[in-house]
């Protein structure tokens, strides 16, 4: 991505990719708000309403991103800043990192699931995880990038259980 590449163009490209690799029509899907946060900010967002469960050091390292369908006019993606990812210094722009982009794509899959109305039919919110994990894995394979989640099918199944 060239310097100064707007987030809007990246969202367009990733939504088009989702449309090309799934049964979703993403042509008219509105963009969510995308907020890049520090680990502390992302942890606080995750633990909103249950701050007493937050880790003592204020950072839950398991959290990379969140999607909130009801935040903002069309949903909000909260994700770890691209600068926080390992090896981000090797990219002219940290947002060029395909591992960071895969996390954004994963959350965009959730956005599309909610915007399409599919999520309204689920037994629980976790039901959409398997599809998001599988599409993320396909995205990384297409880019010939090593998947940091070697057991993606297993974890996709575990995280999608209601």
N, C-alpha and C. Protein backbone atom coordinates (compact mmCIF):
# COMPACT_ATOMS: atom_id res chain seq x y z
N UNK A 1 0.85 -1.17 0.00
CA UNK A 1 0.00 0.00 0.00
C UNK A 1 0.89 1.22 0.00
N UNK A 2 0.56 2.18 -0.81
CA UNK A 2 1.39 3.38 -0.84
C UNK A 2 1.12 4.25 0.38
N UNK A 3 2.06 5.11 0.67
CA UNK A 3 1.98 5.97 1.85
C UNK A 3 0.72 6.83 1.79
N UNK A 4 0.02 6.89 2.92
CA UNK A 4 -1.18 7.71 2.97
C UNK A 4 -2.40 7.02 2.40
N UNK A 5 -2.32 5.74 2.09
CA UNK A 5 -3.44 4.99 1.55
C UNK A 5 -4.59 5.04 2.53
N UNK A 6 -5.73 5.57 2.14
CA UNK A 6 -6.82 5.75 3.09
C UNK A 6 -7.46 4.43 3.53
N UNK A 7 -7.90 4.43 4.78
CA UNK A 7 -8.60 3.28 5.34
C UNK A 7 -9.82 2.93 4.49
N UNK A 8 -10.49 3.93 3.95
CA UNK A 8 -11.70 3.69 3.15
C UNK A 8 -11.40 2.79 1.96
N UNK A 9 -10.27 3.00 1.30
CA UNK A 9 -9.91 2.17 0.15
C UNK A 9 -9.57 0.74 0.59
N UNK A 10 -8.93 0.60 1.73
CA UNK A 10 -8.63 -0.72 2.26
C UNK A 10 -9.92 -1.45 2.61
N UNK A 11 -10.86 -0.76 3.22
CA UNK A 11 -12.15 -1.38 3.53
C UNK A 11 -12.87 -1.81 2.26
N UNK A 12 -12.84 -0.96 1.24
CA UNK A 12 -13.45 -1.33 -0.05
C UNK A 12 -12.82 -2.61 -0.59
N UNK A 13 -11.49 -2.68 -0.57
CA UNK A 13 -10.78 -3.84 -1.12
C UNK A 13 -11.10 -5.11 -0.33
N UNK A 14 -11.11 -5.01 0.99
CA UNK A 14 -11.39 -6.19 1.81
C UNK A 14 -12.85 -6.62 1.70
N UNK A 15 -13.76 -5.68 1.62
CA UNK A 15 -15.17 -6.05 1.42
C UNK A 15 -15.37 -6.72 0.07
N UNK A 16 -14.68 -6.21 -0.95
CA UNK A 16 -14.76 -6.85 -2.27
C UNK A 16 -14.20 -8.27 -2.19
N UNK A 17 -13.11 -8.46 -1.48
CA UNK A 17 -12.52 -9.79 -1.34
C UNK A 17 -13.51 -10.72 -0.65
N UNK A 18 -14.17 -10.25 0.41
CA UNK A 18 -15.17 -11.07 1.10
C UNK A 18 -16.29 -11.44 0.14
N UNK A 19 -16.75 -10.49 -0.65
CA UNK A 19 -17.80 -10.77 -1.63
C UNK A 19 -17.38 -11.79 -2.67
N UNK A 20 -16.12 -11.75 -3.07
CA UNK A 20 -15.59 -12.68 -4.07
C UNK A 20 -15.36 -14.08 -3.51
N UNK A 21 -15.23 -14.22 -2.19
CA UNK A 21 -14.87 -15.50 -1.58
C UNK A 21 -15.93 -16.04 -0.62
N UNK A 22 -17.12 -15.49 -0.72
CA UNK A 22 -18.22 -15.96 0.12
C UNK A 22 -19.52 -15.79 -0.66
N UNK A 23 -20.61 -16.14 -0.04
CA UNK A 23 -21.92 -15.99 -0.69
C UNK A 23 -22.53 -14.61 -0.44
N UNK A 24 -21.81 -13.73 0.26
CA UNK A 24 -22.34 -12.40 0.58
C UNK A 24 -22.21 -11.44 -0.59
N UNK A 25 -23.24 -10.62 -0.75
CA UNK A 25 -23.17 -9.50 -1.69
C UNK A 25 -22.71 -8.30 -0.87
N UNK A 26 -21.48 -7.89 -1.08
CA UNK A 26 -20.90 -6.81 -0.27
C UNK A 26 -20.90 -5.46 -0.99
N UNK A 27 -21.50 -5.42 -2.16
CA UNK A 27 -21.43 -4.21 -2.98
C UNK A 27 -21.95 -2.96 -2.27
N UNK A 28 -23.03 -3.08 -1.54
CA UNK A 28 -23.62 -1.91 -0.90
C UNK A 28 -23.52 -1.94 0.62
N UNK A 29 -22.58 -2.71 1.13
CA UNK A 29 -22.39 -2.77 2.58
C UNK A 29 -21.72 -1.48 3.03
N UNK A 30 -22.36 -0.76 3.96
CA UNK A 30 -21.73 0.47 4.45
C UNK A 30 -20.49 0.15 5.29
N UNK A 31 -19.57 1.06 5.28
CA UNK A 31 -18.35 0.86 6.07
C UNK A 31 -18.66 1.03 7.55
N UNK A 32 -18.03 0.18 8.37
CA UNK A 32 -18.10 0.42 9.81
C UNK A 32 -17.10 1.51 10.18
N UNK A 33 -17.19 2.01 11.38
CA UNK A 33 -16.13 2.84 11.93
C UNK A 33 -15.01 1.87 12.29
N UNK A 34 -13.77 2.24 12.03
CA UNK A 34 -12.62 1.42 12.41
C UNK A 34 -11.72 2.26 13.30
N UNK A 35 -11.53 1.76 14.52
CA UNK A 35 -10.69 2.45 15.49
C UNK A 35 -9.50 1.58 15.84
N UNK A 36 -8.30 2.11 15.61
CA UNK A 36 -7.07 1.41 16.00
C UNK A 36 -6.70 1.88 17.40
N UNK A 37 -6.56 0.91 18.30
CA UNK A 37 -6.35 1.21 19.71
C UNK A 37 -5.06 0.61 20.24
N UNK A 38 -4.62 1.15 21.36
CA UNK A 38 -3.49 0.56 22.08
C UNK A 38 -3.99 -0.71 22.77
N UNK A 39 -3.08 -1.57 23.22
CA UNK A 39 -3.51 -2.77 23.95
C UNK A 39 -4.36 -2.42 25.17
N UNK A 40 -4.02 -1.36 25.87
CA UNK A 40 -4.77 -0.95 27.06
C UNK A 40 -6.18 -0.49 26.68
N UNK A 41 -6.27 0.30 25.63
CA UNK A 41 -7.59 0.80 25.20
C UNK A 41 -8.48 -0.35 24.72
N UNK A 42 -7.90 -1.27 23.97
CA UNK A 42 -8.67 -2.41 23.47
C UNK A 42 -9.15 -3.28 24.62
N UNK A 43 -8.29 -3.48 25.60
CA UNK A 43 -8.67 -4.26 26.78
C UNK A 43 -9.82 -3.57 27.53
N UNK A 44 -9.71 -2.27 27.71
CA UNK A 44 -10.80 -1.53 28.39
C UNK A 44 -12.11 -1.65 27.62
N UNK A 45 -12.03 -1.58 26.30
CA UNK A 45 -13.24 -1.71 25.48
C UNK A 45 -13.87 -3.09 25.67
N UNK A 46 -13.04 -4.11 25.66
CA UNK A 46 -13.53 -5.49 25.82
C UNK A 46 -14.19 -5.69 27.19
N UNK A 47 -13.60 -5.11 28.22
CA UNK A 47 -14.09 -5.32 29.58
C UNK A 47 -15.08 -4.24 30.04
N UNK A 48 -15.63 -3.49 29.11
CA UNK A 48 -16.64 -2.49 29.47
C UNK A 48 -17.78 -3.17 30.21
N UNK A 49 -18.10 -2.63 31.35
CA UNK A 49 -19.19 -3.19 32.17
C UNK A 49 -18.76 -4.30 33.11
N UNK A 50 -17.56 -4.82 32.92
CA UNK A 50 -17.03 -5.88 33.80
C UNK A 50 -15.56 -5.59 34.11
N UNK A 51 -15.27 -4.34 34.41
CA UNK A 51 -13.89 -3.91 34.64
C UNK A 51 -13.21 -4.71 35.75
N UNK A 52 -13.98 -5.25 36.68
CA UNK A 52 -13.40 -6.04 37.77
C UNK A 52 -12.76 -7.33 37.27
N UNK A 53 -13.10 -7.76 36.05
CA UNK A 53 -12.52 -8.97 35.47
C UNK A 53 -11.25 -8.69 34.65
N UNK A 54 -10.95 -7.41 34.43
CA UNK A 54 -9.80 -7.03 33.62
C UNK A 54 -8.50 -7.47 34.30
N UNK A 55 -7.51 -7.89 33.50
CA UNK A 55 -6.21 -8.27 34.08
C UNK A 55 -5.62 -7.12 34.89
N UNK A 56 -4.88 -7.47 35.91
CA UNK A 56 -4.29 -6.46 36.80
C UNK A 56 -3.40 -5.46 36.07
N UNK A 57 -2.69 -5.93 35.03
CA UNK A 57 -1.79 -5.02 34.31
C UNK A 57 -2.52 -4.20 33.25
N UNK A 58 -3.83 -4.40 33.09
CA UNK A 58 -4.62 -3.60 32.16
C UNK A 58 -4.56 -4.05 30.72
N UNK A 59 -3.91 -5.19 30.43
CA UNK A 59 -3.78 -5.67 29.06
C UNK A 59 -4.14 -7.15 29.00
N UNK A 60 -5.11 -7.45 28.14
CA UNK A 60 -5.44 -8.85 27.85
C UNK A 60 -4.85 -9.15 26.48
N UNK A 61 -3.74 -9.86 26.46
CA UNK A 61 -2.99 -10.10 25.23
C UNK A 61 -3.71 -11.01 24.25
N UNK A 62 -4.79 -11.64 24.66
CA UNK A 62 -5.56 -12.51 23.77
C UNK A 62 -6.44 -11.72 22.82
N UNK A 63 -6.66 -10.45 23.10
CA UNK A 63 -7.60 -9.64 22.34
C UNK A 63 -6.87 -8.88 21.23
N UNK A 64 -7.26 -9.15 19.99
CA UNK A 64 -6.71 -8.43 18.84
C UNK A 64 -7.72 -7.46 18.24
N UNK A 65 -9.01 -7.78 18.38
CA UNK A 65 -10.03 -6.95 17.76
C UNK A 65 -11.41 -7.32 18.31
N UNK A 66 -12.34 -6.41 18.13
CA UNK A 66 -13.74 -6.60 18.52
C UNK A 66 -14.62 -5.98 17.46
N UNK A 67 -15.80 -6.57 17.27
CA UNK A 67 -16.79 -5.93 16.41
C UNK A 67 -18.03 -5.67 17.24
N UNK A 68 -18.52 -4.46 17.21
CA UNK A 68 -19.74 -4.08 17.92
C UNK A 68 -20.75 -3.59 16.89
N UNK A 69 -21.73 -4.43 16.60
CA UNK A 69 -22.72 -4.13 15.56
C UNK A 69 -23.56 -2.91 15.88
N UNK A 70 -23.73 -2.60 17.16
CA UNK A 70 -24.62 -1.51 17.54
C UNK A 70 -23.89 -0.21 17.88
N UNK A 71 -22.56 -0.21 17.80
CA UNK A 71 -21.80 1.02 18.04
C UNK A 71 -21.67 1.79 16.72
N UNK A 72 -22.05 3.03 16.72
CA UNK A 72 -21.94 3.85 15.51
C UNK A 72 -23.11 3.58 14.58
N UNK A 73 -23.16 4.34 13.48
CA UNK A 73 -24.30 4.19 12.55
C UNK A 73 -24.36 2.84 11.85
N UNK A 74 -23.21 2.20 11.62
CA UNK A 74 -23.17 0.92 10.90
C UNK A 74 -22.25 -0.08 11.58
N UNK A 75 -22.04 0.04 12.87
CA UNK A 75 -21.14 -0.86 13.58
C UNK A 75 -19.75 -0.25 13.69
N UNK A 76 -18.99 -0.80 14.63
CA UNK A 76 -17.62 -0.32 14.86
C UNK A 76 -16.69 -1.50 15.06
N UNK A 77 -15.54 -1.42 14.42
CA UNK A 77 -14.47 -2.39 14.62
C UNK A 77 -13.42 -1.71 15.49
N UNK A 78 -13.11 -2.35 16.61
CA UNK A 78 -12.04 -1.90 17.50
C UNK A 78 -10.91 -2.89 17.29
N UNK A 79 -9.76 -2.41 16.88
CA UNK A 79 -8.66 -3.35 16.68
C UNK A 79 -7.34 -2.79 17.13
N UNK A 80 -6.47 -3.71 17.46
CA UNK A 80 -5.14 -3.35 17.88
C UNK A 80 -4.47 -2.57 16.76
N UNK A 81 -3.85 -1.48 17.11
CA UNK A 81 -3.17 -0.64 16.13
C UNK A 81 -2.17 -1.46 15.33
N UNK A 82 -2.09 -1.18 14.04
CA UNK A 82 -1.15 -1.89 13.16
C UNK A 82 0.28 -1.76 13.67
N UNK A 83 0.59 -0.67 14.33
CA UNK A 83 1.94 -0.46 14.88
C UNK A 83 2.29 -1.45 15.98
N UNK A 84 1.28 -2.06 16.58
CA UNK A 84 1.49 -2.97 17.70
C UNK A 84 1.85 -4.39 17.25
N UNK A 85 1.70 -4.67 15.96
CA UNK A 85 1.92 -6.04 15.48
C UNK A 85 3.41 -6.33 15.33
N UNK A 86 3.77 -7.57 15.63
CA UNK A 86 5.16 -8.01 15.44
C UNK A 86 5.57 -7.75 14.01
N UNK A 87 6.76 -7.30 13.84
CA UNK A 87 7.38 -7.06 12.54
C UNK A 87 6.74 -5.91 11.75
N UNK A 88 5.93 -5.09 12.41
CA UNK A 88 5.32 -3.95 11.70
C UNK A 88 6.38 -2.99 11.18
N UNK A 89 7.55 -3.00 11.84
CA UNK A 89 8.62 -2.09 11.42
C UNK A 89 9.20 -2.44 10.05
N UNK A 90 8.88 -3.64 9.56
CA UNK A 90 9.40 -4.06 8.25
C UNK A 90 8.55 -3.58 7.08
N UNK A 91 7.45 -2.91 7.39
CA UNK A 91 6.55 -2.41 6.36
C UNK A 91 6.65 -0.91 6.28
N UNK A 92 6.61 -0.36 5.05
CA UNK A 92 6.62 1.09 4.90
C UNK A 92 5.47 1.71 5.70
N UNK A 93 4.34 1.05 5.65
CA UNK A 93 3.17 1.44 6.43
C UNK A 93 2.71 0.21 7.23
N UNK A 94 2.59 0.31 8.53
CA UNK A 94 2.19 -0.85 9.32
C UNK A 94 0.88 -1.50 8.85
N UNK A 95 -0.01 -0.70 8.25
CA UNK A 95 -1.28 -1.27 7.75
C UNK A 95 -1.07 -2.17 6.54
N UNK A 96 0.14 -2.22 6.01
CA UNK A 96 0.45 -3.14 4.91
C UNK A 96 0.66 -4.57 5.40
N UNK A 97 0.83 -4.74 6.69
CA UNK A 97 1.09 -6.05 7.27
C UNK A 97 -0.11 -6.97 7.03
N UNK A 98 0.08 -8.07 6.28
CA UNK A 98 -1.05 -8.95 5.98
C UNK A 98 -1.65 -9.61 7.22
N UNK A 99 -0.88 -9.77 8.28
CA UNK A 99 -1.44 -10.34 9.51
C UNK A 99 -2.42 -9.37 10.16
N UNK A 100 -2.08 -8.10 10.15
CA UNK A 100 -3.01 -7.08 10.67
C UNK A 100 -4.24 -7.00 9.77
N UNK A 101 -4.02 -7.04 8.47
CA UNK A 101 -5.16 -6.97 7.54
C UNK A 101 -6.08 -8.17 7.70
N UNK A 102 -5.52 -9.34 8.00
CA UNK A 102 -6.38 -10.52 8.21
C UNK A 102 -7.27 -10.33 9.43
N UNK A 103 -6.77 -9.71 10.47
CA UNK A 103 -7.60 -9.44 11.66
C UNK A 103 -8.71 -8.46 11.29
N UNK A 104 -8.38 -7.43 10.52
CA UNK A 104 -9.40 -6.49 10.06
C UNK A 104 -10.42 -7.22 9.19
N UNK A 105 -9.96 -8.07 8.28
CA UNK A 105 -10.86 -8.84 7.43
C UNK A 105 -11.79 -9.71 8.28
N UNK A 106 -11.26 -10.37 9.29
CA UNK A 106 -12.06 -11.21 10.19
C UNK A 106 -13.22 -10.39 10.78
N UNK A 107 -12.90 -9.19 11.26
CA UNK A 107 -13.95 -8.35 11.85
C UNK A 107 -14.90 -7.83 10.79
N UNK A 108 -14.41 -7.59 9.58
CA UNK A 108 -15.29 -7.18 8.49
C UNK A 108 -16.25 -8.30 8.10
N UNK A 109 -15.82 -9.56 8.21
CA UNK A 109 -16.74 -10.68 7.98
C UNK A 109 -17.89 -10.58 8.96
N UNK A 110 -17.59 -10.31 10.22
CA UNK A 110 -18.67 -10.14 11.21
C UNK A 110 -19.58 -8.97 10.83
N UNK A 111 -18.97 -7.90 10.38
CA UNK A 111 -19.75 -6.73 9.95
C UNK A 111 -20.71 -7.13 8.82
N UNK A 112 -20.22 -7.85 7.85
CA UNK A 112 -21.05 -8.29 6.72
C UNK A 112 -22.15 -9.24 7.21
N UNK A 113 -21.81 -10.13 8.13
CA UNK A 113 -22.80 -11.05 8.68
C UNK A 113 -23.95 -10.28 9.32
N UNK A 114 -23.63 -9.23 10.04
CA UNK A 114 -24.66 -8.42 10.69
C UNK A 114 -25.39 -7.54 9.68
N UNK A 115 -24.68 -6.93 8.77
CA UNK A 115 -25.32 -6.05 7.78
C UNK A 115 -26.26 -6.83 6.84
N UNK A 116 -25.92 -8.10 6.59
CA UNK A 116 -26.76 -8.92 5.70
C UNK A 116 -27.99 -9.46 6.41
N UNK A 117 -28.01 -9.40 7.73
CA UNK A 117 -29.11 -9.96 8.51
C UNK A 117 -28.90 -11.40 8.92
N UNK A 118 -27.84 -12.04 8.44
CA UNK A 118 -27.58 -13.43 8.79
C UNK A 118 -27.44 -13.62 10.30
N UNK A 119 -26.79 -12.70 10.97
CA UNK A 119 -26.51 -12.84 12.40
C UNK A 119 -27.80 -12.86 13.22
N UNK A 120 -28.85 -12.28 12.71
CA UNK A 120 -30.13 -12.26 13.43
C UNK A 120 -30.74 -13.65 13.55
N UNK A 121 -30.30 -14.59 12.73
CA UNK A 121 -30.84 -15.95 12.73
C UNK A 121 -30.04 -16.90 13.62
N UNK A 122 -28.94 -16.44 14.15
CA UNK A 122 -28.06 -17.32 14.92
C UNK A 122 -28.60 -17.59 16.31
N UNK A 123 -28.16 -18.73 16.88
CA UNK A 123 -28.49 -19.07 18.27
C UNK A 123 -27.72 -18.17 19.24
N UNK A 124 -26.51 -17.78 18.85
CA UNK A 124 -25.68 -16.90 19.69
C UNK A 124 -24.71 -16.15 18.78
N UNK A 125 -24.12 -15.08 19.32
CA UNK A 125 -23.21 -14.24 18.54
C UNK A 125 -21.96 -14.99 18.07
N UNK A 126 -21.56 -16.02 18.79
CA UNK A 126 -20.35 -16.77 18.44
C UNK A 126 -20.52 -17.60 17.17
N UNK A 127 -21.73 -17.82 16.74
CA UNK A 127 -21.98 -18.71 15.61
C UNK A 127 -21.27 -18.26 14.33
N UNK A 128 -20.98 -16.99 14.18
CA UNK A 128 -20.32 -16.50 12.98
C UNK A 128 -18.81 -16.63 12.97
N UNK A 129 -18.23 -17.10 14.07
CA UNK A 129 -16.78 -17.17 14.16
C UNK A 129 -16.15 -18.13 13.17
N UNK A 130 -16.76 -19.29 12.97
CA UNK A 130 -16.14 -20.28 12.09
C UNK A 130 -15.93 -19.70 10.69
N UNK A 131 -16.95 -19.08 10.14
CA UNK A 131 -16.83 -18.49 8.81
C UNK A 131 -15.75 -17.42 8.77
N UNK A 132 -15.68 -16.58 9.79
CA UNK A 132 -14.67 -15.51 9.83
C UNK A 132 -13.26 -16.10 9.90
N UNK A 133 -13.08 -17.16 10.70
CA UNK A 133 -11.76 -17.80 10.79
C UNK A 133 -11.38 -18.47 9.47
N UNK A 134 -12.33 -19.13 8.83
CA UNK A 134 -12.02 -19.81 7.57
C UNK A 134 -11.68 -18.82 6.47
N UNK A 135 -12.43 -17.74 6.36
CA UNK A 135 -12.12 -16.74 5.34
C UNK A 135 -10.77 -16.07 5.62
N UNK A 136 -10.46 -15.84 6.89
CA UNK A 136 -9.16 -15.27 7.23
C UNK A 136 -8.02 -16.18 6.82
N UNK A 137 -8.19 -17.48 7.04
CA UNK A 137 -7.17 -18.45 6.64
C UNK A 137 -7.01 -18.49 5.13
N UNK A 138 -8.11 -18.43 4.41
CA UNK A 138 -8.06 -18.41 2.94
C UNK A 138 -7.34 -17.16 2.44
N UNK A 139 -7.60 -16.04 3.10
CA UNK A 139 -6.95 -14.77 2.74
C UNK A 139 -5.44 -14.89 2.88
N UNK A 140 -4.98 -15.43 4.01
CA UNK A 140 -3.54 -15.58 4.23
C UNK A 140 -2.92 -16.57 3.23
N UNK A 141 -3.61 -17.67 2.96
CA UNK A 141 -3.09 -18.64 1.97
C UNK A 141 -2.97 -18.00 0.60
N UNK A 142 -3.94 -17.21 0.22
CA UNK A 142 -3.91 -16.55 -1.08
C UNK A 142 -2.72 -15.59 -1.18
N UNK A 143 -2.33 -15.00 -0.07
CA UNK A 143 -1.17 -14.10 -0.05
C UNK A 143 0.14 -14.85 0.20
N UNK A 144 0.06 -16.17 0.39
CA UNK A 144 1.23 -17.01 0.69
C UNK A 144 1.92 -16.55 1.97
N UNK A 145 1.11 -16.23 2.98
CA UNK A 145 1.61 -15.79 4.28
C UNK A 145 1.37 -16.92 5.27
N UNK A 146 2.39 -17.24 6.06
CA UNK A 146 2.25 -18.27 7.08
C UNK A 146 1.17 -17.87 8.08
N UNK A 147 0.28 -18.80 8.34
CA UNK A 147 -0.83 -18.55 9.25
C UNK A 147 -0.34 -18.66 10.69
N UNK A 148 -0.50 -17.61 11.49
CA UNK A 148 -0.07 -17.68 12.88
C UNK A 148 -0.99 -18.56 13.73
N UNK A 149 -2.09 -19.03 13.14
CA UNK A 149 -3.03 -19.89 13.84
C UNK A 149 -3.03 -21.25 13.12
N UNK A 150 -2.08 -22.12 13.46
CA UNK A 150 -1.93 -23.37 12.72
C UNK A 150 -3.13 -24.32 12.81
N UNK A 151 -3.89 -24.24 13.87
CA UNK A 151 -5.07 -25.10 14.03
C UNK A 151 -6.34 -24.30 13.82
N UNK A 152 -6.39 -23.53 12.76
CA UNK A 152 -7.49 -22.59 12.50
C UNK A 152 -8.85 -23.30 12.46
N UNK A 153 -8.95 -24.47 11.83
CA UNK A 153 -10.24 -25.17 11.78
C UNK A 153 -10.71 -25.52 13.18
N UNK A 154 -9.81 -26.04 14.00
CA UNK A 154 -10.15 -26.40 15.37
C UNK A 154 -10.63 -25.19 16.15
N UNK A 155 -9.84 -24.11 16.12
CA UNK A 155 -10.20 -22.92 16.89
C UNK A 155 -11.46 -22.28 16.35
N UNK A 156 -11.64 -22.29 15.04
CA UNK A 156 -12.88 -21.77 14.46
C UNK A 156 -14.10 -22.52 14.99
N UNK A 157 -13.98 -23.84 15.10
CA UNK A 157 -15.08 -24.65 15.63
C UNK A 157 -15.29 -24.35 17.13
N UNK A 158 -14.21 -24.28 17.88
CA UNK A 158 -14.32 -24.02 19.33
C UNK A 158 -14.95 -22.65 19.59
N UNK A 159 -14.47 -21.63 18.90
CA UNK A 159 -14.96 -20.27 19.14
C UNK A 159 -16.36 -20.04 18.61
N UNK A 160 -16.86 -20.90 17.75
CA UNK A 160 -18.20 -20.71 17.19
C UNK A 160 -19.28 -21.47 17.95
N UNK A 161 -18.89 -22.15 19.01
CA UNK A 161 -19.88 -22.91 19.78
C UNK A 161 -20.74 -21.99 20.63
N UNK A 162 -22.02 -22.31 20.69
CA UNK A 162 -22.96 -21.54 21.52
C UNK A 162 -23.07 -22.17 22.90
